[in-house]
Protein backbone atom coordinates (compact mmCIF):
# COMPACT_ATOMS: atom_id res chain seq x y z
CA MET A 1 -19.84 -15.51 20.81
CA LYS A 2 -16.39 -14.38 21.86
CA ASN A 3 -14.99 -11.01 20.80
CA PHE A 4 -11.96 -10.75 18.52
CA LEU A 5 -9.96 -7.64 17.57
CA TYR A 6 -7.64 -7.84 14.56
CA ILE A 7 -5.11 -5.00 14.40
CA THR A 8 -3.78 -4.74 10.87
CA ASP A 9 -0.63 -3.02 9.68
CA GLN A 10 -2.47 -1.67 6.65
CA ASP A 11 -3.89 1.61 5.49
CA GLU A 12 -7.67 1.82 5.22
CA TYR A 13 -7.50 2.16 1.41
CA THR A 14 -5.23 -0.83 0.79
CA ASP A 15 -6.82 -3.87 -0.84
CA HIS A 16 -8.15 -6.02 2.01
CA SER A 17 -9.48 -9.02 0.08
CA PHE A 18 -7.82 -11.54 2.41
CA ILE A 19 -8.67 -9.72 5.63
CA GLY A 20 -12.22 -9.02 4.55
CA ALA A 21 -12.86 -12.56 3.40
CA PHE A 22 -11.15 -14.56 6.10
CA PHE A 23 -11.48 -12.46 9.25
CA GLU A 24 -14.55 -10.35 8.65
CA LYS A 25 -16.78 -12.65 6.64
CA TYR A 26 -15.88 -16.20 7.66
CA LEU A 27 -14.33 -15.90 11.11
CA GLY A 28 -17.17 -13.45 11.75
CA LYS A 29 -19.58 -16.38 11.59
CA HIS A 30 -17.98 -17.81 14.75
CA MET A 31 -16.89 -14.70 16.67
CA ASN A 32 -17.70 -11.01 16.95
CA VAL A 33 -14.83 -9.70 14.84
CA HIS A 34 -13.61 -6.09 14.79
CA ILE A 35 -10.84 -5.00 12.42
CA LEU A 36 -8.63 -1.97 12.96
CA TYR A 37 -6.93 -0.16 10.07
CA PHE A 38 -4.69 2.90 10.13
CA SER A 39 -4.88 6.17 8.22
CA HIS A 40 -2.15 8.58 7.17
CA TYR A 41 -4.75 11.24 6.38
CA LYS A 42 -7.52 11.23 8.96
CA ALA A 43 -7.22 13.36 12.08
CA ASP A 44 -9.78 11.49 14.19
CA PHE A 45 -10.87 7.96 14.96
CA GLU A 46 -13.59 6.66 12.64
CA LYS A 47 -16.01 3.79 12.98
CA LYS A 48 -16.63 2.82 9.36
CA ASP A 49 -19.31 0.31 10.33
CA SER A 50 -20.05 -2.17 13.10
CA LYS A 51 -16.95 -4.23 12.29
CA ARG A 52 -14.27 -1.86 10.97
CA PHE A 53 -12.42 0.96 12.73
CA VAL A 54 -9.89 3.44 11.37
CA LEU A 55 -7.29 5.05 13.63
CA PRO A 56 -4.98 7.92 12.62
CA LEU A 57 -1.42 6.62 12.44
CA LYS A 58 -0.27 9.32 14.89
CA PHE A 59 -2.17 7.50 17.68
CA LYS A 60 -0.53 4.13 17.03
CA ASN A 61 1.76 4.33 20.08
CA ASN A 62 -1.26 4.88 22.36
CA LEU A 63 -3.62 2.63 20.48
CA LEU A 64 -5.60 1.08 23.34
CA LYS A 65 -6.07 4.38 25.17
CA GLU A 66 -7.28 6.02 21.98
CA LEU A 67 -9.77 3.24 21.35
CA GLU A 68 -11.10 3.58 24.91
CA LYS A 69 -11.48 7.34 24.42
CA ASN A 70 -13.77 6.46 21.52
CA GLN A 71 -15.97 4.11 23.56
CA ILE A 72 -14.34 0.86 22.44
CA ASP A 73 -14.42 -1.50 25.41
CA ILE A 74 -11.01 -3.21 25.40
CA LYS A 75 -12.00 -5.45 28.31
CA SER A 76 -14.72 -6.96 26.16
CA TYR A 77 -12.19 -8.61 23.83
CA ASP A 78 -11.28 -12.22 24.38
CA PHE A 79 -8.57 -12.11 21.69
CA ILE A 80 -6.41 -9.37 20.19
CA VAL A 81 -4.29 -10.36 17.20
CA VAL A 82 -1.59 -8.11 15.72
CA ARG A 83 -0.57 -8.39 12.07
CA ASN A 84 3.19 -8.25 11.33
CA ASP A 85 4.05 -5.31 13.61
CA ILE A 86 6.42 -6.48 16.37
CA GLU A 87 6.65 -3.10 18.11
CA LEU A 88 2.88 -2.83 18.34
CA LEU A 89 2.73 -6.42 19.55
CA LYS A 90 4.93 -5.48 22.52
CA ASP A 91 2.47 -2.74 23.54
CA ILE A 92 -0.48 -5.14 23.29
CA GLN A 93 1.37 -7.72 25.42
CA LYS A 94 2.14 -5.16 28.14
CA ALA A 95 -1.55 -4.42 28.58
CA LYS A 96 -2.64 -8.06 28.53
CA ILE A 97 -2.87 -8.52 32.32
CA ARG A 98 -4.85 -5.33 32.78
CA TYR A 99 -7.50 -6.21 30.19
CA ASN A 100 -7.37 -10.01 30.41
CA TYR A 101 -7.36 -10.86 26.69
CA LYS A 102 -5.38 -13.51 24.80
CA VAL A 103 -2.74 -12.28 22.34
CA GLY A 104 -1.93 -13.59 18.88
CA PHE A 105 0.63 -12.60 16.27
CA ARG A 106 -0.14 -12.93 12.58
CA LEU A 107 2.86 -13.23 10.25
CA SER A 108 1.48 -12.83 6.74
CA PHE A 109 4.87 -12.36 5.10
CA PRO A 110 8.37 -11.88 6.58
CA LYS A 111 8.76 -8.27 5.38
CA ARG A 112 11.99 -7.55 7.22
CA ILE A 113 13.62 -10.64 5.75
CA ALA A 114 12.24 -9.75 2.32
CA LYS A 115 13.90 -6.33 2.57
CA LEU A 116 17.21 -8.00 3.43
CA LYS A 117 16.91 -10.32 0.42
CA GLU A 118 16.00 -7.39 -1.82
CA ASP A 119 19.09 -5.51 -0.64
CA GLU A 120 21.13 -8.61 -1.37
CA ALA A 121 19.71 -8.78 -4.91
CA ASN A 122 20.63 -5.11 -5.38
CA ASN A 123 24.13 -5.65 -3.91
CA LYS A 124 23.33 -3.43 -0.92
CA LYS A 125 23.53 -5.99 1.88
CA THR A 126 26.46 -5.58 4.28
CA PHE A 127 28.06 -7.71 7.00
CA PHE A 128 26.39 -5.48 9.59
CA ASP A 129 23.00 -6.19 7.99
CA ILE A 130 23.58 -9.92 8.45
CA ILE A 131 24.54 -9.52 12.12
CA GLY A 132 21.65 -7.13 12.70
CA ASP A 133 19.24 -9.63 11.14
CA LYS A 134 20.35 -12.40 13.51
CA ILE A 135 19.94 -10.12 16.53
CA GLN A 136 16.54 -8.90 15.37
CA SER A 137 15.32 -12.45 14.67
CA TYR A 138 16.32 -13.48 18.20
CA LYS A 139 14.45 -10.51 19.71
CA GLU A 140 11.35 -11.09 17.60
CA THR A 141 11.27 -14.79 18.50
CA ASN A 142 11.32 -13.96 22.21
CA ILE A 143 8.51 -11.44 21.81
CA ILE A 144 6.33 -13.82 19.78
CA ASN A 145 6.90 -16.60 22.33
CA GLU A 146 5.12 -14.40 24.88
CA CYS A 147 1.91 -14.67 22.84
CA ASP A 148 -0.85 -17.22 23.28
CA ILE A 149 -0.90 -18.18 19.59
CA PHE A 150 1.29 -17.68 16.52
CA ILE A 151 -0.47 -17.42 13.14
CA PRO A 152 2.02 -17.68 10.25
CA SER A 153 0.94 -18.14 6.64
CA THR A 154 2.40 -21.65 6.64
CA ASN A 155 4.26 -24.05 8.89
CA GLN A 156 7.14 -23.85 6.40
CA MET A 157 7.40 -20.11 7.04
CA LYS A 158 7.68 -20.75 10.77
CA GLU A 159 10.32 -23.47 10.36
CA GLU A 160 12.41 -21.43 7.94
CA PHE A 161 12.38 -18.06 9.66
CA PHE A 162 11.18 -18.62 13.26
CA SER A 163 12.08 -22.20 14.10
CA SER A 164 12.59 -21.38 17.81
CA ILE A 165 8.99 -20.33 18.37
CA ASN A 166 7.48 -22.85 20.80
CA ILE A 167 3.93 -21.59 21.41
CA LYS A 168 0.69 -22.90 19.93
CA THR A 169 0.79 -22.34 16.17
CA PHE A 170 -2.07 -22.30 13.68
CA PRO A 171 -1.10 -21.53 10.06
CA VAL A 172 -3.57 -19.47 8.03
CA PRO A 173 -2.43 -19.64 4.39
CA THR A 174 -3.57 -17.62 1.43
CA GLY A 175 -6.65 -19.33 0.10
CA ILE A 176 -9.75 -18.98 -1.98
CA ASP A 177 -13.06 -17.34 -1.11
CA PRO A 178 -15.79 -19.72 -2.32
CA GLU A 179 -18.18 -16.78 -2.71
CA MET A 180 -15.80 -14.74 -4.88
CA LEU A 181 -15.12 -16.92 -7.91
CA HIS A 182 -14.90 -15.19 -11.29
CA GLU A 183 -15.87 -16.44 -14.72
CA ASN A 184 -13.01 -17.25 -17.06
CA ILE A 185 -13.67 -15.25 -20.24
CA GLN A 186 -12.42 -17.20 -23.26
CA HIS A 187 -11.06 -15.05 -26.11
CA VAL A 188 -11.40 -16.05 -29.77
CA GLU A 189 -7.79 -15.51 -30.91
CA ASP A 190 -5.53 -18.48 -31.57
CA PHE A 191 -2.68 -17.25 -29.36
CA LYS A 192 -2.27 -18.10 -25.66
CA ARG A 193 -2.69 -15.14 -23.34
CA PHE A 194 -0.29 -15.25 -20.36
CA ILE A 195 -0.60 -12.91 -17.39
CA TYR A 196 1.79 -11.83 -14.66
CA ALA A 197 0.28 -9.90 -11.73
CA GLY A 198 2.50 -8.46 -9.04
CA THR A 199 5.81 -6.87 -8.13
CA LEU A 200 8.71 -6.61 -10.56
CA ASP A 201 12.17 -6.16 -9.03
CA ASN A 202 15.67 -7.63 -8.99
CA LEU A 203 14.67 -10.17 -6.37
CA ARG A 204 11.99 -11.73 -8.58
CA LYS A 205 14.21 -11.73 -11.70
CA PHE A 206 11.34 -11.44 -14.17
CA GLU A 207 13.93 -10.91 -16.94
CA THR A 208 14.56 -14.66 -16.83
CA ILE A 209 10.97 -15.25 -17.93
CA LEU A 210 11.17 -12.61 -20.64
CA GLU A 211 14.40 -14.15 -21.95
CA ALA A 212 12.62 -17.49 -22.27
CA PHE A 213 9.70 -15.95 -24.18
CA SER A 214 12.08 -13.98 -26.42
CA GLN A 215 13.65 -17.23 -27.68
CA ILE A 216 10.36 -18.82 -28.76
CA ASN A 217 10.20 -18.85 -32.57
CA ASN A 218 6.52 -18.08 -33.05
CA ASN A 219 4.00 -15.41 -32.18
CA LEU A 220 1.40 -17.70 -30.63
CA PHE A 221 1.46 -15.91 -27.29
CA ARG A 222 0.76 -12.56 -25.65
CA ILE A 223 1.95 -11.43 -22.21
CA VAL A 224 -0.13 -9.17 -19.97
CA ILE A 225 1.75 -7.57 -17.07
CA SER A 226 -0.10 -5.82 -14.25
CA THR A 227 2.22 -4.03 -11.86
CA LYS A 228 2.19 -0.97 -9.64
CA ASP A 229 5.41 0.22 -11.29
CA PRO A 230 4.66 0.26 -15.05
CA GLU A 231 7.74 2.40 -15.79
CA TYR A 232 9.97 -0.31 -14.36
CA ALA A 233 8.20 -2.83 -16.60
CA LYS A 234 8.57 -0.63 -19.69
CA ASN A 235 12.28 -0.20 -19.11
CA MET A 236 12.68 -3.93 -18.59
CA ILE A 237 11.03 -4.98 -21.84
CA LEU A 238 13.16 -2.54 -23.86
CA LYS A 239 15.87 -5.20 -23.63
CA TYR A 240 13.67 -7.58 -25.65
CA PRO A 241 12.64 -5.70 -28.83
CA ASN A 242 11.23 -8.84 -30.45
CA LEU A 243 8.60 -8.96 -27.66
CA LYS A 244 7.48 -5.35 -28.19
CA ASN A 245 4.22 -6.25 -29.93
CA CYS A 246 3.50 -9.20 -27.63
CA ILE A 247 3.34 -7.40 -24.28
CA GLU A 248 0.66 -5.24 -22.65
CA ILE A 249 1.44 -3.34 -19.46
CA HIS A 250 -1.31 -2.42 -17.01
CA ASN A 251 -1.52 -0.84 -13.59
CA ALA A 252 -4.73 -2.23 -12.11
CA LYS A 253 -6.06 0.41 -9.75
CA ASN A 254 -7.95 -2.03 -7.54
CA LYS A 255 -8.65 -5.70 -7.01
CA GLN A 256 -11.63 -5.75 -9.35
CA GLU A 257 -9.60 -4.30 -12.24
CA LEU A 258 -6.94 -6.92 -11.63
CA LEU A 259 -9.44 -9.78 -11.55
CA ASP A 260 -11.00 -8.50 -14.77
CA LEU A 261 -7.58 -8.72 -16.46
CA ILE A 262 -6.95 -12.19 -15.08
CA ALA A 263 -10.35 -13.48 -16.19
CA LYS A 264 -9.43 -12.74 -19.82
CA ALA A 265 -6.16 -14.69 -19.62
CA ASP A 266 -5.42 -18.32 -20.44
CA ILE A 267 -2.40 -19.01 -18.23
CA GLY A 268 -1.02 -17.30 -15.12
CA LEU A 269 2.70 -16.80 -14.51
CA SER A 270 4.07 -17.37 -11.01
CA ILE A 271 7.60 -18.50 -11.76
CA LEU A 272 9.81 -17.16 -8.97
CA PRO A 273 13.41 -17.81 -7.90
CA ASN A 274 13.83 -20.97 -5.88
CA ILE A 275 14.58 -19.30 -2.53
CA ALA A 276 13.07 -19.76 0.94
CA LEU A 277 11.31 -16.40 0.87
CA PHE A 278 9.13 -17.54 -2.03
CA ASN A 279 9.07 -21.25 -1.25
CA THR A 280 7.47 -21.06 2.19
CA SER A 281 4.07 -19.65 1.21
CA THR A 282 1.71 -19.65 -1.73
CA SER A 283 1.83 -16.45 -3.74
CA ILE A 284 -1.39 -14.43 -3.64
CA LYS A 285 -1.19 -14.16 -7.43
CA ILE A 286 -1.70 -17.94 -7.67
CA ILE A 287 -4.90 -17.61 -5.64
CA ASP A 288 -6.07 -14.72 -7.82
CA TYR A 289 -5.46 -16.75 -10.98
CA TYR A 290 -7.38 -19.78 -9.77
CA SER A 291 -10.27 -17.67 -8.50
CA SER A 292 -11.00 -17.28 -12.23
CA ALA A 293 -10.00 -20.89 -12.97
CA VAL A 294 -6.93 -19.59 -14.83
CA PRO A 295 -4.28 -22.33 -14.56
CA CYS A 296 -0.79 -21.37 -13.55
CA ILE A 297 2.77 -22.19 -14.49
CA MET A 298 4.86 -22.01 -11.33
CA THR A 299 8.21 -22.85 -9.81
CA ASN A 300 8.81 -26.52 -9.07
CA ASN A 301 9.33 -26.37 -5.30
CA ALA A 302 8.11 -28.36 -2.30
CA LYS A 303 5.36 -25.85 -1.49
CA ASN A 304 3.81 -25.86 -4.95
CA ASN A 305 4.18 -29.53 -5.80
CA THR A 306 2.54 -30.62 -2.56
CA LEU A 307 -0.40 -28.30 -3.26
CA PHE A 308 -0.93 -29.05 -6.98
CA LYS A 309 -0.41 -32.01 -9.31
CA ASP A 310 1.81 -31.25 -12.28
CA ASN A 311 0.01 -31.30 -15.66
CA VAL A 312 -3.30 -31.91 -13.86
CA GLU A 313 -3.93 -28.81 -11.70
CA ALA A 314 -0.92 -26.65 -12.67
CA TRP A 315 2.38 -26.80 -14.55
CA PHE A 316 5.83 -26.78 -12.97
CA CYS A 317 9.22 -25.72 -14.27
CA ASP A 318 12.60 -24.85 -12.82
CA PHE A 319 13.64 -21.23 -12.54
CA ASN A 320 15.97 -21.04 -15.49
CA LYS A 321 15.59 -19.90 -19.07
CA LYS A 322 15.84 -23.36 -20.63
CA SER A 323 13.21 -24.96 -18.39
CA ILE A 324 10.79 -22.04 -18.69
CA LYS A 325 11.13 -21.93 -22.49
CA ALA A 326 10.51 -25.67 -22.81
CA LYS A 327 7.40 -25.49 -20.62
CA ILE A 328 5.96 -22.51 -22.50
CA GLU A 329 6.51 -24.25 -25.85
CA GLU A 330 4.72 -27.31 -24.47
CA LEU A 331 1.76 -25.20 -23.31
CA LEU A 332 1.48 -23.50 -26.70
CA THR A 333 0.64 -26.89 -28.24
CA LEU A 334 -2.33 -27.50 -25.91
CA SER A 335 -5.90 -26.82 -26.95
CA LYS A 336 -7.99 -24.20 -25.17
CA GLU A 337 -10.04 -27.02 -23.67
CA GLU A 338 -6.96 -28.76 -22.27
CA VAL A 339 -5.74 -25.53 -20.71
CA ALA A 340 -9.15 -24.69 -19.24
CA LYS A 341 -9.45 -28.17 -17.71
CA VAL A 342 -6.22 -27.67 -15.73
CA GLY A 343 -7.64 -24.38 -14.41
CA GLU A 344 -10.87 -26.03 -13.34
CA ASN A 345 -8.96 -28.83 -11.59
CA GLY A 346 -6.74 -26.37 -9.75
CA GLN A 347 -9.67 -24.28 -8.60
CA LYS A 348 -11.44 -27.39 -7.34
CA LYS A 349 -8.31 -28.38 -5.36
CA LEU A 350 -8.10 -24.97 -3.68
CA LEU A 351 -11.80 -25.03 -2.83
CA ASP A 352 -11.16 -28.35 -1.13
CA ILE A 353 -8.00 -27.62 0.88
CA ARG A 354 -7.52 -23.81 0.81
CA ASN A 355 -11.09 -22.73 1.41
CA TYR A 356 -11.32 -19.67 3.67
CA GLU A 357 -14.67 -20.77 5.07
CA LYS A 358 -13.28 -24.12 6.21
CA ILE A 359 -10.01 -22.66 7.54
CA ALA A 360 -11.85 -19.97 9.52
CA GLN A 361 -14.06 -22.58 11.17
CA ASP A 362 -10.99 -24.61 12.21
CA PHE A 363 -9.23 -21.46 13.41
CA ALA A 364 -12.19 -20.48 15.60
CA THR A 365 -12.18 -23.96 17.12
CA GLU A 366 -8.46 -23.65 17.88
CA LEU A 367 -8.89 -20.21 19.48
CA ASN A 368 -11.61 -21.50 21.78
CA LEU A 369 -9.20 -24.11 23.11
CA ILE A 370 -6.69 -21.53 24.36
């Protein structure tokens, strides 16, 4: 089998459910896969096991030399793929001729563009930011076009943010691990238990969802929020005193804690503003919900409504208070069995078309054609 090195942009202690499932477990069936993480704390290189390495962040600028110092044979790799980090990608490209490997760039999420949009939402974006973004996008496109393969999360992400990239492209979207499904735990109460898992900020405008819930004239729902900034969430819900007894706030410490919360829910919330940043890839929270067969209410956009069927595998609404309120009121009238059936249908759809095992097999085939 060919040898494959995946250089992440992540700390060793970050949740690696996607990387572990797709690259280590499933791509690892077709290639000898090594995965490199970084550490802010360690002083020396560490080989965690036969597949995973950890490199102190201070050695990032001399990454290949440092790996060689620790008996990692760079010439043995047929492919080196860099995740998100353009500056590191340039270093890997410079050494390509010397070591004779193929280079790939993985764009999991356009973080630079997300920061620009966040600044815009917070009224911090300037004219110079806009010009700088255009210049940076041009530079990044040229660098990526020097690779052998581009690996965005979706083709839509490429077309929206990097339409001038002209190299071989293979999208690897967020998907479902068929070996990591979780039982949906049905509660006995009459109310519907909604869950939101993820970031809360001005860009995501979660207040719009809370406003919709606050105008519903019954108490047949509860909202569970899991976020890494619970103080932000607490301050947000102060604006809606009538929801005080309907909301629980959690800060899941790891993936397992989060999945345990999701498994106890009835309906997942993934209603996001209708902007390109959110419309070009499937939110990881949607995948987490359906891993427990928890059906999801989500924004009605081209990405979602080509993946799921409305009222069969998910529910769609527009991102405004009136549409969200109407959809929630409709869902409150459904039986537990009707809700659960939508979750089962959605999970089955993802297992069919967003299955990491199948995608990894196709990806390995594509790599071998380079």
